[in-house]
Amino acid sequence: MAAIKAGTVCILKKGRRAGSKVTVTKVIDDMFVEVQDEKGKVRRSSIMHLEPVG
């Protein structure tokens, strides 16, 4: 999997918000990142549930 770092635009693959675009704002550890959705809501997400765009 590609390295996910702050500023990376991704699409959520799993869960209730699957298919929505998010931006990684902070890397918490090797499994979790903090993401911000298009509305500005910040939440924690697993790296396994993200697919980088581009």
PDB file of N, CA and C in Angstrom:
ATOM      1  N   MET A   1       0.842  -1.184   0.000  1.00  0.00           N
ATOM      2  CA  MET A   1       0.000   0.000   0.000  1.00  0.00           C
ATOM      3  C   MET A   1       0.884   1.243   0.000  1.00  0.00           C
ATOM      4  N   ALA A   2       0.440   2.270  -0.688  1.00  0.00           N
ATOM      5  CA  ALA A   2       1.186   3.514  -0.753  1.00  0.00           C
ATOM      6  C   ALA A   2       1.238   4.172   0.623  1.00  0.00           C
ATOM      7  N   ALA A   3       2.307   4.889   0.876  1.00  0.00           N
ATOM      8  CA  ALA A   3       2.439   5.583   2.153  1.00  0.00           C
ATOM      9  C   ALA A   3       1.402   6.696   2.232  1.00  0.00           C
ATOM     10  N   ILE A   4       0.672   6.714   3.302  1.00  0.00           N
ATOM     11  CA  ILE A   4      -0.347   7.750   3.502  1.00  0.00           C
ATOM     12  C   ILE A   4       0.221   8.768   4.470  1.00  0.00           C
ATOM     13  N   LYS A   5       0.270  10.023   4.050  1.00  0.00           N
ATOM     14  CA  LYS A   5       0.801  11.089   4.895  1.00  0.00           C
ATOM     15  C   LYS A   5      -0.169  12.265   4.896  1.00  0.00           C
ATOM     16  N   ALA A   6       0.083  13.232   5.720  1.00  0.00           N
ATOM     17  CA  ALA A   6      -0.797  14.399   5.848  1.00  0.00           C
ATOM     18  C   ALA A   6      -0.939  15.099   4.496  1.00  0.00           C
ATOM     19  N   GLY A   7      -2.166  15.455   4.158  1.00  0.00           N
ATOM     20  CA  GLY A   7      -2.454  16.138   2.908  1.00  0.00           C
ATOM     21  C   GLY A   7      -2.923  15.221   1.794  1.00  0.00           C
ATOM     22  N   THR A   8      -2.861  13.916   2.000  1.00  0.00           N
ATOM     23  CA  THR A   8      -3.281  12.951   0.988  1.00  0.00           C
ATOM     24  C   THR A   8      -4.805  12.910   0.896  1.00  0.00           C
ATOM     25  N   VAL A   9      -5.340  12.993  -0.305  1.00  0.00           N
ATOM     26  CA  VAL A   9      -6.781  12.874  -0.529  1.00  0.00           C
ATOM     27  C   VAL A   9      -7.093  11.404  -0.758  1.00  0.00           C
ATOM     28  N   CYS A  10      -8.092  10.889  -0.032  1.00  0.00           N
ATOM     29  CA  CYS A  10      -8.441   9.476  -0.097  1.00  0.00           C
ATOM     30  C   CYS A  10      -9.950   9.309  -0.213  1.00  0.00           C
ATOM     31  N   ILE A  11     -10.357   8.096  -0.548  1.00  0.00           N
ATOM     32  CA  ILE A  11     -11.770   7.722  -0.551  1.00  0.00           C
ATOM     33  C   ILE A  11     -11.937   6.612   0.480  1.00  0.00           C
ATOM     34  N   LEU A  12     -12.976   6.731   1.316  1.00  0.00           N
ATOM     35  CA  LEU A  12     -13.254   5.706   2.312  1.00  0.00           C
ATOM     36  C   LEU A  12     -13.833   4.479   1.630  1.00  0.00           C
ATOM     37  N   LYS A  13     -13.326   3.295   1.968  1.00  0.00           N
ATOM     38  CA  LYS A  13     -13.772   2.055   1.342  1.00  0.00           C
ATOM     39  C   LYS A  13     -14.775   1.290   2.192  1.00  0.00           C
ATOM     40  N   LYS A  14     -14.811   1.512   3.485  1.00  0.00           N
ATOM     41  CA  LYS A  14     -15.648   0.732   4.395  1.00  0.00           C
ATOM     42  C   LYS A  14     -16.510   1.643   5.257  1.00  0.00           C
ATOM     43  N   GLY A  15     -17.581   1.071   5.774  1.00  0.00           N
ATOM     44  CA  GLY A  15     -18.396   1.761   6.769  1.00  0.00           C
ATOM     45  C   GLY A  15     -19.514   2.602   6.182  1.00  0.00           C
ATOM     46  N   ARG A  16     -20.153   3.317   7.050  1.00  0.00           N
ATOM     47  CA  ARG A  16     -21.319   4.123   6.694  1.00  0.00           C
ATOM     48  C   ARG A  16     -20.980   5.232   5.703  1.00  0.00           C
ATOM     49  N   ARG A  17     -19.770   5.736   5.776  1.00  0.00           N
ATOM     50  CA  ARG A  17     -19.352   6.838   4.902  1.00  0.00           C
ATOM     51  C   ARG A  17     -18.553   6.357   3.692  1.00  0.00           C
ATOM     52  N   ALA A  18     -18.674   5.102   3.337  1.00  0.00           N
ATOM     53  CA  ALA A  18     -17.938   4.541   2.205  1.00  0.00           C
ATOM     54  C   ALA A  18     -18.257   5.318   0.925  1.00  0.00           C
ATOM     55  N   GLY A  19     -17.222   5.627   0.169  1.00  0.00           N
ATOM     56  CA  GLY A  19     -17.377   6.358  -1.077  1.00  0.00           C
ATOM     57  C   GLY A  19     -17.148   7.848  -0.943  1.00  0.00           C
ATOM     58  N   SER A  20     -17.058   8.359   0.279  1.00  0.00           N
ATOM     59  CA  SER A  20     -16.862   9.794   0.450  1.00  0.00           C
ATOM     60  C   SER A  20     -15.378  10.149   0.432  1.00  0.00           C
ATOM     61  N   LYS A  21     -15.080  11.364  -0.039  1.00  0.00           N
ATOM     62  CA  LYS A  21     -13.703  11.843  -0.107  1.00  0.00           C
ATOM     63  C   LYS A  21     -13.307  12.456   1.226  1.00  0.00           C
ATOM     64  N   VAL A  22     -12.092  12.144   1.662  1.00  0.00           N
ATOM     65  CA  VAL A  22     -11.545  12.717   2.884  1.00  0.00           C
ATOM     66  C   VAL A  22     -10.098  13.133   2.635  1.00  0.00           C
ATOM     67  N   THR A  23      -9.604  14.020   3.482  1.00  0.00           N
ATOM     68  CA  THR A  23      -8.216  14.457   3.423  1.00  0.00           C
ATOM     69  C   THR A  23      -7.539  14.088   4.733  1.00  0.00           C
ATOM     70  N   VAL A  24      -6.384  13.456   4.655  1.00  0.00           N
ATOM     71  CA  VAL A  24      -5.639  13.084   5.858  1.00  0.00           C
ATOM     72  C   VAL A  24      -5.029  14.352   6.448  1.00  0.00           C
ATOM     73  N   THR A  25      -5.320  14.619   7.732  1.00  0.00           N
ATOM     74  CA  THR A  25      -4.794  15.814   8.383  1.00  0.00           C
ATOM     75  C   THR A  25      -3.627  15.503   9.309  1.00  0.00           C
ATOM     76  N   LYS A  26      -3.613  14.272   9.856  1.00  0.00           N
ATOM     77  CA  LYS A  26      -2.559  13.920  10.812  1.00  0.00           C
ATOM     78  C   LYS A  26      -2.424  12.403  10.879  1.00  0.00           C
ATOM     79  N   VAL A  27      -1.178  11.925  10.951  1.00  0.00           N
ATOM     80  CA  VAL A  27      -0.923  10.502  11.123  1.00  0.00           C
ATOM     81  C   VAL A  27      -0.778  10.245  12.619  1.00  0.00           C
ATOM     82  N   ILE A  28      -1.667   9.394  13.178  1.00  0.00           N
ATOM     83  CA  ILE A  28      -1.647   9.111  14.615  1.00  0.00           C
ATOM     84  C   ILE A  28      -0.608   8.047  14.930  1.00  0.00           C
ATOM     85  N   ASP A  29      -0.673   6.896  14.263  1.00  0.00           N
ATOM     86  CA  ASP A  29       0.333   5.842  14.401  1.00  0.00           C
ATOM     87  C   ASP A  29       0.339   5.027  13.119  1.00  0.00           C
ATOM     88  N   ASP A  30       0.886   3.813  13.150  1.00  0.00           N
ATOM     89  CA  ASP A  30       1.000   3.038  11.922  1.00  0.00           C
ATOM     90  C   ASP A  30      -0.321   2.437  11.446  1.00  0.00           C
ATOM     91  N   MET A  31      -1.393   2.528  12.231  1.00  0.00           N
ATOM     92  CA  MET A  31      -2.690   1.976  11.839  1.00  0.00           C
ATOM     93  C   MET A  31      -3.793   3.018  11.677  1.00  0.00           C
ATOM     94  N   PHE A  32      -3.668   4.171  12.322  1.00  0.00           N
ATOM     95  CA  PHE A  32      -4.743   5.156  12.315  1.00  0.00           C
ATOM     96  C   PHE A  32      -4.265   6.530  11.870  1.00  0.00           C
ATOM     97  N   VAL A  33      -5.175   7.253  11.217  1.00  0.00           N
ATOM     98  CA  VAL A  33      -4.934   8.632  10.809  1.00  0.00           C
ATOM     99  C   VAL A  33      -6.156   9.468  11.188  1.00  0.00           C
ATOM    100  N   GLU A  34      -5.960  10.767  11.234  1.00  0.00           N
ATOM    101  CA  GLU A  34      -7.056  11.695  11.453  1.00  0.00           C
ATOM    102  C   GLU A  34      -7.432  12.258  10.091  1.00  0.00           C
ATOM    103  N   VAL A  35      -8.730  12.180   9.742  1.00  0.00           N
ATOM    104  CA  VAL A  35      -9.184  12.645   8.435  1.00  0.00           C
ATOM    105  C   VAL A  35     -10.245  13.717   8.591  1.00  0.00           C
ATOM    106  N   GLN A  36     -10.343  14.565   7.570  1.00  0.00           N
ATOM    107  CA  GLN A  36     -11.351  15.616   7.528  1.00  0.00           C
ATOM    108  C   GLN A  36     -12.201  15.386   6.288  1.00  0.00           C
ATOM    109  N   ASP A  37     -13.523  15.336   6.469  1.00  0.00           N
ATOM    110  CA  ASP A  37     -14.409  15.106   5.326  1.00  0.00           C
ATOM    111  C   ASP A  37     -14.702  16.420   4.606  1.00  0.00           C
ATOM    112  N   GLU A  38     -15.518  16.355   3.569  1.00  0.00           N
ATOM    113  CA  GLU A  38     -15.811  17.538   2.753  1.00  0.00           C
ATOM    114  C   GLU A  38     -16.573  18.609   3.518  1.00  0.00           C
ATOM    115  N   LYS A  39     -17.287  18.224   4.568  1.00  0.00           N
ATOM    116  CA  LYS A  39     -18.032  19.182   5.384  1.00  0.00           C
ATOM    117  C   LYS A  39     -17.176  19.808   6.476  1.00  0.00           C
ATOM    118  N   GLY A  40     -15.965  19.284   6.686  1.00  0.00           N
ATOM    119  CA  GLY A  40     -15.059  19.832   7.685  1.00  0.00           C
ATOM    120  C   GLY A  40     -14.998  19.050   8.978  1.00  0.00           C
ATOM    121  N   LYS A  41     -15.767  17.969   9.082  1.00  0.00           N
ATOM    122  CA  LYS A  41     -15.784  17.137  10.288  1.00  0.00           C
ATOM    123  C   LYS A  41     -14.487  16.329  10.371  1.00  0.00           C
ATOM    124  N   VAL A  42     -13.814  16.369  11.511  1.00  0.00           N
ATOM    125  CA  VAL A  42     -12.562  15.647  11.713  1.00  0.00           C
ATOM    126  C   VAL A  42     -12.847  14.409  12.552  1.00  0.00           C
ATOM    127  N   ARG A  43     -12.342  13.266  12.095  1.00  0.00           N
ATOM    128  CA  ARG A  43     -12.530  12.010  12.829  1.00  0.00           C
ATOM    129  C   ARG A  43     -11.348  11.093  12.567  1.00  0.00           C
ATOM    130  N   ARG A  44     -11.269  10.013  13.344  1.00  0.00           N
ATOM    131  CA  ARG A  44     -10.192   9.036  13.223  1.00  0.00           C
ATOM    132  C   ARG A  44     -10.615   7.929  12.266  1.00  0.00           C
ATOM    133  N   SER A  45      -9.668   7.432  11.481  1.00  0.00           N
ATOM    134  CA  SER A  45      -9.961   6.367  10.533  1.00  0.00           C
ATOM    135  C   SER A  45      -8.778   5.413  10.442  1.00  0.00           C
ATOM    136  N   SER A  46      -9.077   4.147  10.172  1.00  0.00           N
ATOM    137  CA  SER A  46      -8.036   3.153   9.965  1.00  0.00           C
ATOM    138  C   SER A  46      -7.438   3.326   8.568  1.00  0.00           C
ATOM    139  N   ILE A  47      -6.152   3.129   8.455  1.00  0.00           N
ATOM    140  CA  ILE A  47      -5.480   3.221   7.155  1.00  0.00           C
ATOM    141  C   ILE A  47      -6.007   2.147   6.207  1.00  0.00           C
ATOM    142  N   MET A  48      -6.412   1.002   6.757  1.00  0.00           N
ATOM    143  CA  MET A  48      -6.936  -0.096   5.941  1.00  0.00           C
ATOM    144  C   MET A  48      -8.251   0.267   5.242  1.00  0.00           C
ATOM    145  N   HIS A  49      -8.937   1.289   5.718  1.00  0.00           N
ATOM    146  CA  HIS A  49     -10.218   1.686   5.143  1.00  0.00           C
ATOM    147  C   HIS A  49     -10.091   2.825   4.142  1.00  0.00           C
ATOM    148  N   LEU A  50      -8.868   3.229   3.834  1.00  0.00           N
ATOM    149  CA  LEU A  50      -8.641   4.349   2.919  1.00  0.00           C
ATOM    150  C   LEU A  50      -7.996   3.897   1.622  1.00  0.00           C
ATOM    151  N   GLU A  51      -8.391   4.538   0.536  1.00  0.00           N
ATOM    152  CA  GLU A  51      -7.768   4.304  -0.766  1.00  0.00           C
ATOM    153  C   GLU A  51      -7.318   5.661  -1.327  1.00  0.00           C
ATOM    154  N   PRO A  52      -6.003   5.868  -1.473  1.00  0.00           N
ATOM    155  CA  PRO A  52      -5.502   7.146  -1.996  1.00  0.00           C
ATOM    156  C   PRO A  52      -6.017   7.409  -3.416  1.00  0.00           C
ATOM    157  N   VAL A  53      -6.311   8.673  -3.700  1.00  0.00           N
ATOM    158  CA  VAL A  53      -6.773   9.095  -5.023  1.00  0.00           C
ATOM    159  C   VAL A  53      -5.574   9.629  -5.781  1.00  0.00           C
ATOM    160  N   GLY A  54      -5.460   9.287  -7.038  1.00  0.00           N
ATOM    161  CA  GLY A  54      -4.412   9.846  -7.875  1.00  0.00           C
ATOM    162  C   GLY A  54      -3.270   9.003  -7.974  1.00  0.00           C
TER     163      GLY A  54
END
